[in-house]
Amino acid sequence: MKEALEEIAHQLTRIADQGEQAGMQISRADALEAWGLRIYEEDFLNALTRLGIEVTD
């Protein structure tokens, strides 16, 4: 579990660093396709939104 949370933190940090360069928009389908930890899908999408990345349907 700890390793999974560390991986989530790492991926979100990477996304946030890229997102600071320009506004980002990503489709829900593309975001979920890139995310391997299905149990955390909603948490992942919520985190993207909090980072200022617009998740579209």
PDB file of N, CA and C in Angstrom:
ATOM      1  N   MET A   1       0.824  -1.192   0.000  1.00  0.00           N
ATOM      2  CA  MET A   1       0.000   0.000   0.000  1.00  0.00           C
ATOM      3  C   MET A   1       0.867   1.253   0.000  1.00  0.00           C
ATOM      4  N   LYS A   2       1.922   1.265   0.822  1.00  0.00           N
ATOM      5  CA  LYS A   2       2.799   2.433   0.883  1.00  0.00           C
ATOM      6  C   LYS A   2       3.441   2.696  -0.475  1.00  0.00           C
ATOM      7  N   GLU A   3       3.872   1.629  -1.147  1.00  0.00           N
ATOM      8  CA  GLU A   3       4.477   1.791  -2.466  1.00  0.00           C
ATOM      9  C   GLU A   3       3.488   2.373  -3.462  1.00  0.00           C
ATOM     10  N   ALA A   4       2.246   1.953  -3.396  1.00  0.00           N
ATOM     11  CA  ALA A   4       1.222   2.479  -4.305  1.00  0.00           C
ATOM     12  C   ALA A   4       1.004   3.963  -4.058  1.00  0.00           C
ATOM     13  N   LEU A   5       0.952   4.370  -2.795  1.00  0.00           N
ATOM     14  CA  LEU A   5       0.761   5.787  -2.485  1.00  0.00           C
ATOM     15  C   LEU A   5       1.968   6.612  -2.908  1.00  0.00           C
ATOM     16  N   GLU A   6       3.159   6.061  -2.765  1.00  0.00           N
ATOM     17  CA  GLU A   6       4.360   6.766  -3.217  1.00  0.00           C
ATOM     18  C   GLU A   6       4.350   6.934  -4.733  1.00  0.00           C
ATOM     19  N   GLU A   7       3.879   5.919  -5.436  1.00  0.00           N
ATOM     20  CA  GLU A   7       3.786   6.004  -6.901  1.00  0.00           C
ATOM     21  C   GLU A   7       2.762   7.060  -7.308  1.00  0.00           C
ATOM     22  N   ILE A   8       1.635   7.116  -6.603  1.00  0.00           N
ATOM     23  CA  ILE A   8       0.621   8.137  -6.880  1.00  0.00           C
ATOM     24  C   ILE A   8       1.228   9.529  -6.685  1.00  0.00           C
ATOM     25  N   ALA A   9       1.912   9.725  -5.571  1.00  0.00           N
ATOM     26  CA  ALA A   9       2.529  11.024  -5.289  1.00  0.00           C
ATOM     27  C   ALA A   9       3.538  11.391  -6.366  1.00  0.00           C
ATOM     28  N   HIS A  10       4.333  10.425  -6.796  1.00  0.00           N
ATOM     29  CA  HIS A  10       5.323  10.673  -7.841  1.00  0.00           C
ATOM     30  C   HIS A  10       4.667  11.089  -9.158  1.00  0.00           C
ATOM     31  N   GLN A  11       3.646  10.354  -9.565  1.00  0.00           N
ATOM     32  CA  GLN A  11       2.970  10.665 -10.821  1.00  0.00           C
ATOM     33  C   GLN A  11       2.277  12.024 -10.765  1.00  0.00           C
ATOM     34  N   LEU A  12       1.641  12.333  -9.644  1.00  0.00           N
ATOM     35  CA  LEU A  12       0.959  13.622  -9.520  1.00  0.00           C
ATOM     36  C   LEU A  12       1.954  14.771  -9.518  1.00  0.00           C
ATOM     37  N   THR A  13       3.103  14.584  -8.892  1.00  0.00           N
ATOM     38  CA  THR A  13       4.139  15.614  -8.906  1.00  0.00           C
ATOM     39  C   THR A  13       4.618  15.849 -10.325  1.00  0.00           C
ATOM     40  N   ARG A  14       4.825  14.767 -11.056  1.00  0.00           N
ATOM     41  CA  ARG A  14       5.260  14.884 -12.455  1.00  0.00           C
ATOM     42  C   ARG A  14       4.223  15.638 -13.289  1.00  0.00           C
ATOM     43  N   ILE A  15       2.972  15.296 -13.109  1.00  0.00           N
ATOM     44  CA  ILE A  15       1.896  15.958 -13.848  1.00  0.00           C
ATOM     45  C   ILE A  15       1.814  17.433 -13.463  1.00  0.00           C
ATOM     46  N   ALA A  16       1.935  17.718 -12.176  1.00  0.00           N
ATOM     47  CA  ALA A  16       1.860  19.108 -11.706  1.00  0.00           C
ATOM     48  C   ALA A  16       2.998  19.925 -12.295  1.00  0.00           C
ATOM     49  N   ASP A  17       4.196  19.364 -12.345  1.00  0.00           N
ATOM     50  CA  ASP A  17       5.338  20.074 -12.920  1.00  0.00           C
ATOM     51  C   ASP A  17       5.094  20.407 -14.382  1.00  0.00           C
ATOM     52  N   GLN A  18       4.522  19.480 -15.120  1.00  0.00           N
ATOM     53  CA  GLN A  18       4.210  19.716 -16.524  1.00  0.00           C
ATOM     54  C   GLN A  18       3.065  20.715 -16.663  1.00  0.00           C
ATOM     55  N   GLY A  19       2.100  20.640 -15.770  1.00  0.00           N
ATOM     56  CA  GLY A  19       0.935  21.510 -15.833  1.00  0.00           C
ATOM     57  C   GLY A  19       1.253  22.951 -15.524  1.00  0.00           C
ATOM     58  N   GLU A  20       2.308  23.205 -14.765  1.00  0.00           N
ATOM     59  CA  GLU A  20       2.686  24.573 -14.441  1.00  0.00           C
ATOM     60  C   GLU A  20       3.151  25.328 -15.666  1.00  0.00           C
ATOM     61  N   GLN A  21       3.613  24.612 -16.657  1.00  0.00           N
ATOM     62  CA  GLN A  21       4.129  25.246 -17.863  1.00  0.00           C
ATOM     63  C   GLN A  21       3.007  25.824 -18.724  1.00  0.00           C
ATOM     64  N   ALA A  22       1.857  25.245 -18.679  1.00  0.00           N
ATOM     65  CA  ALA A  22       0.722  25.707 -19.482  1.00  0.00           C
ATOM     66  C   ALA A  22      -0.542  25.053 -18.944  1.00  0.00           C
ATOM     67  N   GLY A  23      -1.686  25.694 -19.200  1.00  0.00           N
ATOM     68  CA  GLY A  23      -2.937  25.082 -18.786  1.00  0.00           C
ATOM     69  C   GLY A  23      -3.117  23.750 -19.490  1.00  0.00           C
ATOM     70  N   MET A  24      -3.677  22.819 -18.790  1.00  0.00           N
ATOM     71  CA  MET A  24      -3.848  21.494 -19.372  1.00  0.00           C
ATOM     72  C   MET A  24      -5.294  21.074 -19.339  1.00  0.00           C
ATOM     73  N   GLN A  25      -5.645  20.299 -20.332  1.00  0.00           N
ATOM     74  CA  GLN A  25      -6.965  19.694 -20.394  1.00  0.00           C
ATOM     75  C   GLN A  25      -6.751  18.259 -20.866  1.00  0.00           C
ATOM     76  N   ILE A  26      -7.425  17.340 -20.216  1.00  0.00           N
ATOM     77  CA  ILE A  26      -7.281  15.934 -20.576  1.00  0.00           C
ATOM     78  C   ILE A  26      -8.649  15.274 -20.474  1.00  0.00           C
ATOM     79  N   SER A  27      -8.899  14.350 -21.371  1.00  0.00           N
ATOM     80  CA  SER A  27     -10.180  13.643 -21.290  1.00  0.00           C
ATOM     81  C   SER A  27     -10.123  12.621 -20.170  1.00  0.00           C
ATOM     82  N   ARG A  28     -11.273  12.346 -19.599  1.00  0.00           N
ATOM     83  CA  ARG A  28     -11.367  11.345 -18.528  1.00  0.00           C
ATOM     84  C   ARG A  28     -10.848   9.996 -19.028  1.00  0.00           C
ATOM     85  N   ALA A  29     -11.224   9.630 -20.248  1.00  0.00           N
ATOM     86  CA  ALA A  29     -10.805   8.348 -20.810  1.00  0.00           C
ATOM     87  C   ALA A  29      -9.282   8.270 -20.939  1.00  0.00           C
ATOM     88  N   ASP A  30      -8.646   9.347 -21.425  1.00  0.00           N
ATOM     89  CA  ASP A  30      -7.187   9.352 -21.565  1.00  0.00           C
ATOM     90  C   ASP A  30      -6.499   9.306 -20.211  1.00  0.00           C
ATOM     91  N   ALA A  31      -7.037  10.049 -19.238  1.00  0.00           N
ATOM     92  CA  ALA A  31      -6.447  10.043 -17.901  1.00  0.00           C
ATOM     93  C   ALA A  31      -6.508   8.644 -17.300  1.00  0.00           C
ATOM     94  N   LEU A  32      -7.654   7.998 -17.409  1.00  0.00           N
ATOM     95  CA  LEU A  32      -7.802   6.662 -16.824  1.00  0.00           C
ATOM     96  C   LEU A  32      -6.998   5.610 -17.573  1.00  0.00           C
ATOM     97  N   GLU A  33      -6.838   5.788 -18.868  1.00  0.00           N
ATOM     98  CA  GLU A  33      -6.031   4.846 -19.645  1.00  0.00           C
ATOM     99  C   GLU A  33      -4.572   4.895 -19.201  1.00  0.00           C
ATOM    100  N   ALA A  34      -4.111   6.072 -18.798  1.00  0.00           N
ATOM    101  CA  ALA A  34      -2.730   6.238 -18.371  1.00  0.00           C
ATOM    102  C   ALA A  34      -2.507   5.850 -16.917  1.00  0.00           C
ATOM    103  N   TRP A  35      -3.582   5.597 -16.186  1.00  0.00           N
ATOM    104  CA  TRP A  35      -3.494   5.342 -14.751  1.00  0.00           C
ATOM    105  C   TRP A  35      -3.745   3.878 -14.489  1.00  0.00           C
ATOM    106  N   GLY A  36      -2.763   3.170 -13.950  1.00  0.00           N
ATOM    107  CA  GLY A  36      -2.871   1.729 -13.762  1.00  0.00           C
ATOM    108  C   GLY A  36      -3.546   1.274 -12.484  1.00  0.00           C
ATOM    109  N   LEU A  37      -3.688   2.143 -11.485  1.00  0.00           N
ATOM    110  CA  LEU A  37      -4.235   1.737 -10.187  1.00  0.00           C
ATOM    111  C   LEU A  37      -5.727   2.003 -10.153  1.00  0.00           C
ATOM    112  N   ARG A  38      -6.503   1.120 -10.728  1.00  0.00           N
ATOM    113  CA  ARG A  38      -7.942   1.317 -10.911  1.00  0.00           C
ATOM    114  C   ARG A  38      -8.696   1.607  -9.619  1.00  0.00           C
ATOM    115  N   ILE A  39      -8.232   1.055  -8.512  1.00  0.00           N
ATOM    116  CA  ILE A  39      -8.936   1.257  -7.247  1.00  0.00           C
ATOM    117  C   ILE A  39      -8.928   2.737  -6.839  1.00  0.00           C
ATOM    118  N   TYR A  40      -7.964   3.494  -7.339  1.00  0.00           N
ATOM    119  CA  TYR A  40      -7.825   4.902  -6.960  1.00  0.00           C
ATOM    120  C   TYR A  40      -8.264   5.861  -8.061  1.00  0.00           C
ATOM    121  N   GLU A  41      -9.053   5.399  -9.025  1.00  0.00           N
ATOM    122  CA  GLU A  41      -9.405   6.234 -10.180  1.00  0.00           C
ATOM    123  C   GLU A  41     -10.013   7.574  -9.780  1.00  0.00           C
ATOM    124  N   GLU A  42     -11.022   7.576  -8.931  1.00  0.00           N
ATOM    125  CA  GLU A  42     -11.688   8.834  -8.571  1.00  0.00           C
ATOM    126  C   GLU A  42     -10.754   9.757  -7.807  1.00  0.00           C
ATOM    127  N   ASP A  43      -9.928   9.184  -6.921  1.00  0.00           N
ATOM    128  CA  ASP A  43      -8.947   9.999  -6.202  1.00  0.00           C
ATOM    129  C   ASP A  43      -7.957  10.629  -7.170  1.00  0.00           C
ATOM    130  N   PHE A  44      -7.537   9.867  -8.158  1.00  0.00           N
ATOM    131  CA  PHE A  44      -6.609  10.365  -9.163  1.00  0.00           C
ATOM    132  C   PHE A  44      -7.231  11.507  -9.964  1.00  0.00           C
ATOM    133  N   LEU A  45      -8.455  11.329 -10.421  1.00  0.00           N
ATOM    134  CA  LEU A  45      -9.127  12.372 -11.196  1.00  0.00           C
ATOM    135  C   LEU A  45      -9.349  13.627 -10.344  1.00  0.00           C
ATOM    136  N   ASN A  46      -9.714  13.448  -9.092  1.00  0.00           N
ATOM    137  CA  ASN A  46      -9.889  14.597  -8.196  1.00  0.00           C
ATOM    138  C   ASN A  46      -8.569  15.329  -7.983  1.00  0.00           C
ATOM    139  N   ALA A  47      -7.495  14.584  -7.847  1.00  0.00           N
ATOM    140  CA  ALA A  47      -6.184  15.204  -7.664  1.00  0.00           C
ATOM    141  C   ALA A  47      -5.787  16.006  -8.897  1.00  0.00           C
ATOM    142  N   LEU A  48      -6.058  15.478 -10.085  1.00  0.00           N
ATOM    143  CA  LEU A  48      -5.769  16.233 -11.307  1.00  0.00           C
ATOM    144  C   LEU A  48      -6.508  17.563 -11.302  1.00  0.00           C
ATOM    145  N   THR A  49      -7.761  17.532 -10.920  1.00  0.00           N
ATOM    146  CA  THR A  49      -8.572  18.749 -10.876  1.00  0.00           C
ATOM    147  C   THR A  49      -7.985  19.743  -9.876  1.00  0.00           C
ATOM    148  N   ARG A  50      -7.584  19.256  -8.706  1.00  0.00           N
ATOM    149  CA  ARG A  50      -6.991  20.141  -7.700  1.00  0.00           C
ATOM    150  C   ARG A  50      -5.679  20.747  -8.183  1.00  0.00           C
ATOM    151  N   LEU A  51      -5.006  20.060  -9.083  1.00  0.00           N
ATOM    152  CA  LEU A  51      -3.755  20.584  -9.646  1.00  0.00           C
ATOM    153  C   LEU A  51      -4.007  21.575 -10.782  1.00  0.00           C
ATOM    154  N   GLY A  52      -5.280  21.804 -11.093  1.00  0.00           N
ATOM    155  CA  GLY A  52      -5.611  22.767 -12.135  1.00  0.00           C
ATOM    156  C   GLY A  52      -5.708  22.164 -13.518  1.00  0.00           C
ATOM    157  N   ILE A  53      -5.763  20.852 -13.594  1.00  0.00           N
ATOM    158  CA  ILE A  53      -5.897  20.175 -14.882  1.00  0.00           C
ATOM    159  C   ILE A  53      -7.373  19.870 -15.094  1.00  0.00           C
ATOM    160  N   GLU A  54      -7.900  20.388 -16.175  1.00  0.00           N
ATOM    161  CA  GLU A  54      -9.324  20.183 -16.455  1.00  0.00           C
ATOM    162  C   GLU A  54      -9.538  18.784 -17.027  1.00  0.00           C
ATOM    163  N   VAL A  55     -10.371  18.007 -16.364  1.00  0.00           N
ATOM    164  CA  VAL A  55     -10.722  16.667 -16.823  1.00  0.00           C
ATOM    165  C   VAL A  55     -12.088  16.750 -17.484  1.00  0.00           C
ATOM    166  N   THR A  56     -12.141  16.417 -18.767  1.00  0.00           N
ATOM    167  CA  THR A  56     -13.378  16.534 -19.529  1.00  0.00           C
ATOM    168  C   THR A  56     -13.971  15.163 -19.781  1.00  0.00           C
ATOM    169  N   ASP A  57     -15.267  15.130 -20.065  1.00  0.00           N
ATOM    170  CA  ASP A  57     -15.939  13.852 -20.358  1.00  0.00           C
ATOM    171  C   ASP A  57     -15.780  13.441 -21.775  1.00  0.00           C
TER     172      ASP A  57
END
